[in-house]
Amino acid sequence: MLYRNCKNLILLSALLSVPVSSFGQSVKTDIGPDSTIIDHIKASDHHEIDATSDILKLFSPIAPSASDDKKTGPVKKGPRMRTIYRVQILSVNQSGNGRALAEKGRRAVSSRFPQYPCDLAFEAPNWKVRVGIFENQNEANAAASKIRQSLSQYAKEVRVVRVNMKVTK
């Protein structure tokens, strides 16, 4: 069986003190019997391992067999991700009253622009106030411009940010 994870092969041979001669290679090379496992790995891209099933479990095969599918079941996909654009109004460091300042900014934006969803998020070490969910950057830029004009105290910090959002549908 062929394996592509050479780091595991090196680690396994080092941990078990397996001599290089116990590993057979699928590609013939001119490396002598006294060479190291690293010399053998560098000499070829593919290696065959003659070992017990316990040792073989430490490696991932190139092509899973049909019996492997029965044991593990169907592959579950993770959540899909989608890129959206948001307008970041404020980013405040957590030290002192960072959260209180961010909450004040969130309330100011929510009262002036109720049509946009607004939230407060902590991304270490900053509290961030983000507004809206926009499909493209042009829509987000237009909203950012309106917010800059309306909330002059936050105008210097208003920026459009790209965010990866999980799709739950």
C-alpha atoms as a PDB file:
ATOM      1  CA  MET A   1       0.000   0.000   0.000  1.00  0.00           C
ATOM      2  CA  LEU A   2       1.425   3.432  -0.924  1.00  0.00           C
ATOM      3  CA  TYR A   3       1.466   6.346   1.533  1.00  0.00           C
ATOM      4  CA  ARG A   4       2.230   9.990   0.977  1.00  0.00           C
ATOM      5  CA  ASN A   5       2.768  11.178   4.540  1.00  0.00           C
ATOM      6  CA  CYS A   6       6.573  11.073   4.778  1.00  0.00           C
ATOM      7  CA  LYS A   7       6.708  13.018   8.056  1.00  0.00           C
ATOM      8  CA  ASN A   8       4.752  10.227   9.758  1.00  0.00           C
ATOM      9  CA  LEU A   9       7.110   7.676   8.218  1.00  0.00           C
ATOM     10  CA  ILE A  10      10.155   9.449   9.649  1.00  0.00           C
ATOM     11  CA  LEU A  11       8.507   9.868  13.030  1.00  0.00           C
ATOM     12  CA  LEU A  12       7.320   6.263  13.116  1.00  0.00           C
ATOM     13  CA  SER A  13      10.709   4.856  12.208  1.00  0.00           C
ATOM     14  CA  ALA A  14      12.393   7.049  14.819  1.00  0.00           C
ATOM     15  CA  LEU A  15       9.927   6.103  17.567  1.00  0.00           C
ATOM     16  CA  LEU A  16      10.004   2.389  16.848  1.00  0.00           C
ATOM     17  CA  SER A  17      13.707   2.287  15.943  1.00  0.00           C
ATOM     18  CA  VAL A  18      12.819   0.462  12.735  1.00  0.00           C
ATOM     19  CA  PRO A  19      15.838  -0.037  10.495  1.00  0.00           C
ATOM     20  CA  VAL A  20      15.609   1.352   6.993  1.00  0.00           C
ATOM     21  CA  SER A  21      16.028  -2.079   5.457  1.00  0.00           C
ATOM     22  CA  SER A  22      12.569  -3.099   6.759  1.00  0.00           C
ATOM     23  CA  PHE A  23      10.907  -0.548   4.489  1.00  0.00           C
ATOM     24  CA  GLY A  24      10.598  -1.569   0.857  1.00  0.00           C
ATOM     25  CA  GLN A  25      10.623   1.071  -1.859  1.00  0.00           C
ATOM     26  CA  SER A  26       8.465   1.046  -4.944  1.00  0.00           C
ATOM     27  CA  VAL A  27      11.187   2.889  -6.881  1.00  0.00           C
ATOM     28  CA  LYS A  28      14.709   1.427  -7.078  1.00  0.00           C
ATOM     29  CA  THR A  29      17.515   3.776  -6.070  1.00  0.00           C
ATOM     30  CA  ASP A  30      21.288   3.595  -5.728  1.00  0.00           C
ATOM     31  CA  ILE A  31      21.213   4.146  -1.967  1.00  0.00           C
ATOM     32  CA  GLY A  32      23.272   1.662   0.079  1.00  0.00           C
ATOM     33  CA  PRO A  33      22.038  -0.530   2.945  1.00  0.00           C
ATOM     34  CA  ASP A  34      23.722   1.702   5.554  1.00  0.00           C
ATOM     35  CA  SER A  35      21.806   4.827   4.508  1.00  0.00           C
ATOM     36  CA  THR A  36      19.234   6.499   6.735  1.00  0.00           C
ATOM     37  CA  ILE A  37      15.454   6.573   6.327  1.00  0.00           C
ATOM     38  CA  ILE A  38      15.751  10.236   5.317  1.00  0.00           C
ATOM     39  CA  ASP A  39      18.074   9.270   2.433  1.00  0.00           C
ATOM     40  CA  HIS A  40      15.481   6.762   1.216  1.00  0.00           C
ATOM     41  CA  ILE A  41      12.627   9.254   1.466  1.00  0.00           C
ATOM     42  CA  LYS A  42      14.557  11.925  -0.413  1.00  0.00           C
ATOM     43  CA  ALA A  43      15.461   9.438  -3.140  1.00  0.00           C
ATOM     44  CA  SER A  44      11.857   8.634  -4.053  1.00  0.00           C
ATOM     45  CA  ASP A  45       8.360  10.083  -3.788  1.00  0.00           C
ATOM     46  CA  HIS A  46       6.568   6.762  -3.155  1.00  0.00           C
ATOM     47  CA  HIS A  47       7.283   4.173  -0.465  1.00  0.00           C
ATOM     48  CA  GLU A  48       5.804   0.819   0.441  1.00  0.00           C
ATOM     49  CA  ILE A  49       5.610  -0.247   4.053  1.00  0.00           C
ATOM     50  CA  ASP A  50       5.543  -3.854   5.203  1.00  0.00           C
ATOM     51  CA  ALA A  51       4.208  -3.575   8.732  1.00  0.00           C
ATOM     52  CA  THR A  52       1.485  -4.727  11.070  1.00  0.00           C
ATOM     53  CA  SER A  53      -2.021  -3.305  10.770  1.00  0.00           C
ATOM     54  CA  ASP A  54      -1.493  -1.302  13.991  1.00  0.00           C
ATOM     55  CA  ILE A  55       1.397   0.584  12.430  1.00  0.00           C
ATOM     56  CA  LEU A  56      -0.481   1.075   9.161  1.00  0.00           C
ATOM     57  CA  LYS A  57      -3.326   2.795  11.046  1.00  0.00           C
ATOM     58  CA  LEU A  58      -0.942   5.694  11.723  1.00  0.00           C
ATOM     59  CA  PHE A  59      -0.878   6.575   8.025  1.00  0.00           C
ATOM     60  CA  SER A  60      -3.576   7.779   5.661  1.00  0.00           C
ATOM     61  CA  PRO A  61      -3.802   5.796   2.420  1.00  0.00           C
ATOM     62  CA  ILE A  62      -3.803   7.553  -0.941  1.00  0.00           C
ATOM     63  CA  ALA A  63      -7.056   5.898  -2.029  1.00  0.00           C
ATOM     64  CA  PRO A  64      -9.442   4.632   0.661  1.00  0.00           C
ATOM     65  CA  SER A  65     -10.798   1.155   0.141  1.00  0.00           C
ATOM     66  CA  ALA A  66     -14.501   0.295  -0.062  1.00  0.00           C
ATOM     67  CA  SER A  67     -14.358  -1.350   3.379  1.00  0.00           C
ATOM     68  CA  ASP A  68     -13.127   1.943   4.890  1.00  0.00           C
ATOM     69  CA  ASP A  69     -16.325   3.685   3.719  1.00  0.00           C
ATOM     70  CA  LYS A  70     -18.483   1.150   5.548  1.00  0.00           C
ATOM     71  CA  LYS A  71     -16.633   1.755   8.823  1.00  0.00           C
ATOM     72  CA  THR A  72     -16.670   5.538   8.772  1.00  0.00           C
ATOM     73  CA  GLY A  73     -19.995   6.207   7.061  1.00  0.00           C
ATOM     74  CA  PRO A  74     -20.744   9.124   4.752  1.00  0.00           C
ATOM     75  CA  VAL A  75     -18.501  12.174   4.825  1.00  0.00           C
ATOM     76  CA  LYS A  76     -20.162  15.074   6.611  1.00  0.00           C
ATOM     77  CA  LYS A  77     -19.583  18.473   5.097  1.00  0.00           C
ATOM     78  CA  GLY A  78     -18.961  21.484   7.285  1.00  0.00           C
ATOM     79  CA  PRO A  79     -20.908  24.726   7.005  1.00  0.00           C
ATOM     80  CA  ARG A  80     -20.642  26.587   3.725  1.00  0.00           C
ATOM     81  CA  MET A  81     -18.943  29.959   3.844  1.00  0.00           C
ATOM     82  CA  ARG A  82     -19.989  33.080   1.951  1.00  0.00           C
ATOM     83  CA  THR A  83     -18.144  36.388   1.586  1.00  0.00           C
ATOM     84  CA  ILE A  84     -20.104  39.470   2.567  1.00  0.00           C
ATOM     85  CA  TYR A  85     -19.214  43.102   3.212  1.00  0.00           C
ATOM     86  CA  ARG A  86     -19.915  45.061   6.375  1.00  0.00           C
ATOM     87  CA  VAL A  87     -19.242  48.606   7.500  1.00  0.00           C
ATOM     88  CA  GLN A  88     -17.029  48.751  10.573  1.00  0.00           C
ATOM     89  CA  ILE A  89     -17.824  51.865  12.585  1.00  0.00           C
ATOM     90  CA  LEU A  90     -15.453  51.454  15.465  1.00  0.00           C
ATOM     91  CA  SER A  91     -12.657  49.259  16.813  1.00  0.00           C
ATOM     92  CA  VAL A  92     -11.773  49.888  20.464  1.00  0.00           C
ATOM     93  CA  ASN A  93      -9.101  48.208  22.581  1.00  0.00           C
ATOM     94  CA  GLN A  94     -10.476  46.212  25.519  1.00  0.00           C
ATOM     95  CA  SER A  95      -8.418  48.043  28.117  1.00  0.00           C
ATOM     96  CA  GLY A  96     -10.378  50.338  30.397  1.00  0.00           C
ATOM     97  CA  ASN A  97     -13.865  51.082  29.162  1.00  0.00           C
ATOM     98  CA  GLY A  98     -13.489  49.668  25.611  1.00  0.00           C
ATOM     99  CA  ARG A  99     -16.723  47.728  25.718  1.00  0.00           C
ATOM    100  CA  ALA A 100     -18.689  50.725  27.026  1.00  0.00           C
ATOM    101  CA  LEU A 101     -17.345  52.915  24.185  1.00  0.00           C
ATOM    102  CA  ALA A 102     -18.193  50.268  21.609  1.00  0.00           C
ATOM    103  CA  GLU A 103     -21.704  49.867  23.048  1.00  0.00           C
ATOM    104  CA  LYS A 104     -22.184  53.639  22.853  1.00  0.00           C
ATOM    105  CA  GLY A 105     -21.158  53.546  19.175  1.00  0.00           C
ATOM    106  CA  ARG A 106     -23.529  50.645  18.486  1.00  0.00           C
ATOM    107  CA  ARG A 107     -26.460  52.521  20.036  1.00  0.00           C
ATOM    108  CA  ALA A 108     -25.647  55.669  18.019  1.00  0.00           C
ATOM    109  CA  VAL A 109     -25.580  53.757  14.737  1.00  0.00           C
ATOM    110  CA  SER A 110     -28.696  51.696  15.562  1.00  0.00           C
ATOM    111  CA  SER A 111     -30.726  54.813  16.346  1.00  0.00           C
ATOM    112  CA  ARG A 112     -29.672  56.665  13.154  1.00  0.00           C
ATOM    113  CA  PHE A 113     -29.737  53.672  10.790  1.00  0.00           C
ATOM    114  CA  PRO A 114     -32.382  51.191  11.986  1.00  0.00           C
ATOM    115  CA  GLN A 115     -32.558  49.622   8.494  1.00  0.00           C
ATOM    116  CA  TYR A 116     -29.098  48.068   8.977  1.00  0.00           C
ATOM    117  CA  PRO A 117     -28.427  45.258  11.437  1.00  0.00           C
ATOM    118  CA  CYS A 118     -25.761  46.354  13.894  1.00  0.00           C
ATOM    119  CA  ASP A 119     -23.721  44.230  16.256  1.00  0.00           C
ATOM    120  CA  LEU A 120     -20.931  44.403  18.768  1.00  0.00           C
ATOM    121  CA  ALA A 121     -18.207  41.744  18.528  1.00  0.00           C
ATOM    122  CA  PHE A 122     -15.056  41.001  20.471  1.00  0.00           C
ATOM    123  CA  GLU A 123     -12.032  40.018  18.393  1.00  0.00           C
ATOM    124  CA  ALA A 124      -9.105  39.965  20.807  1.00  0.00           C
ATOM    125  CA  PRO A 125      -7.989  42.495  21.877  1.00  0.00           C
ATOM    126  CA  ASN A 126     -10.616  44.795  20.296  1.00  0.00           C
ATOM    127  CA  TRP A 127     -14.347  45.441  20.518  1.00  0.00           C
ATOM    128  CA  LYS A 128     -15.760  46.096  17.035  1.00  0.00           C
ATOM    129  CA  VAL A 129     -19.022  47.659  15.918  1.00  0.00           C
ATOM    130  CA  ARG A 130     -20.148  46.444  12.489  1.00  0.00           C
ATOM    131  CA  VAL A 131     -23.205  47.463  10.504  1.00  0.00           C
ATOM    132  CA  GLY A 132     -25.153  45.911   7.632  1.00  0.00           C
ATOM    133  CA  ILE A 133     -24.796  42.805   5.528  1.00  0.00           C
ATOM    134  CA  PHE A 134     -23.963  43.752   1.948  1.00  0.00           C
ATOM    135  CA  GLU A 135     -23.625  41.480  -1.070  1.00  0.00           C
ATOM    136  CA  ASN A 136     -20.980  43.615  -2.772  1.00  0.00           C
ATOM    137  CA  GLN A 137     -18.429  46.242  -1.901  1.00  0.00           C
ATOM    138  CA  ASN A 138     -20.215  49.051  -3.794  1.00  0.00           C
ATOM    139  CA  GLU A 139     -23.317  48.734  -1.592  1.00  0.00           C
ATOM    140  CA  ALA A 140     -21.125  48.731   1.514  1.00  0.00           C
ATOM    141  CA  ASN A 141     -19.205  51.815   0.300  1.00  0.00           C
ATOM    142  CA  ALA A 142     -22.456  53.713  -0.265  1.00  0.00           C
ATOM    143  CA  ALA A 143     -23.653  52.880   3.259  1.00  0.00           C
ATOM    144  CA  ALA A 144     -20.252  53.812   4.713  1.00  0.00           C
ATOM    145  CA  SER A 145     -20.448  57.201   3.024  1.00  0.00           C
ATOM    146  CA  LYS A 146     -23.898  57.872   4.533  1.00  0.00           C
ATOM    147  CA  ILE A 147     -22.689  56.823   7.978  1.00  0.00           C
ATOM    148  CA  ARG A 148     -19.579  59.040   7.763  1.00  0.00           C
ATOM    149  CA  GLN A 149     -21.742  62.067   6.941  1.00  0.00           C
ATOM    150  CA  SER A 150     -24.306  61.347   9.632  1.00  0.00           C
ATOM    151  CA  LEU A 151     -21.968  60.321  12.464  1.00  0.00           C
ATOM    152  CA  SER A 152     -19.011  62.671  12.176  1.00  0.00           C
ATOM    153  CA  GLN A 153     -17.507  61.548  15.521  1.00  0.00           C
ATOM    154  CA  TYR A 154     -16.815  58.104  13.971  1.00  0.00           C
ATOM    155  CA  ALA A 155     -15.990  59.307  10.433  1.00  0.00           C
ATOM    156  CA  LYS A 156     -12.239  58.616  10.702  1.00  0.00           C
ATOM    157  CA  GLU A 157     -12.784  54.979  11.725  1.00  0.00           C
ATOM    158  CA  VAL A 158     -15.574  54.011   9.306  1.00  0.00           C
ATOM    159  CA  ARG A 159     -14.348  51.425   6.813  1.00  0.00           C
ATOM    160  CA  VAL A 160     -15.690  48.581   4.704  1.00  0.00           C
ATOM    161  CA  VAL A 161     -14.547  45.107   5.774  1.00  0.00           C
ATOM    162  CA  ARG A 162     -14.883  41.770   4.025  1.00  0.00           C
ATOM    163  CA  VAL A 163     -16.210  38.992   6.265  1.00  0.00           C
ATOM    164  CA  ASN A 164     -16.658  35.242   5.734  1.00  0.00           C
ATOM    165  CA  MET A 165     -20.080  34.277   7.017  1.00  0.00           C
ATOM    166  CA  LYS A 166     -21.445  30.771   7.638  1.00  0.00           C
ATOM    167  CA  VAL A 167     -24.494  29.923   5.535  1.00  0.00           C
ATOM    168  CA  THR A 168     -27.001  28.029   7.647  1.00  0.00           C
ATOM    169  CA  LYS A 169     -29.672  27.246   5.029  1.00  0.00           C
END
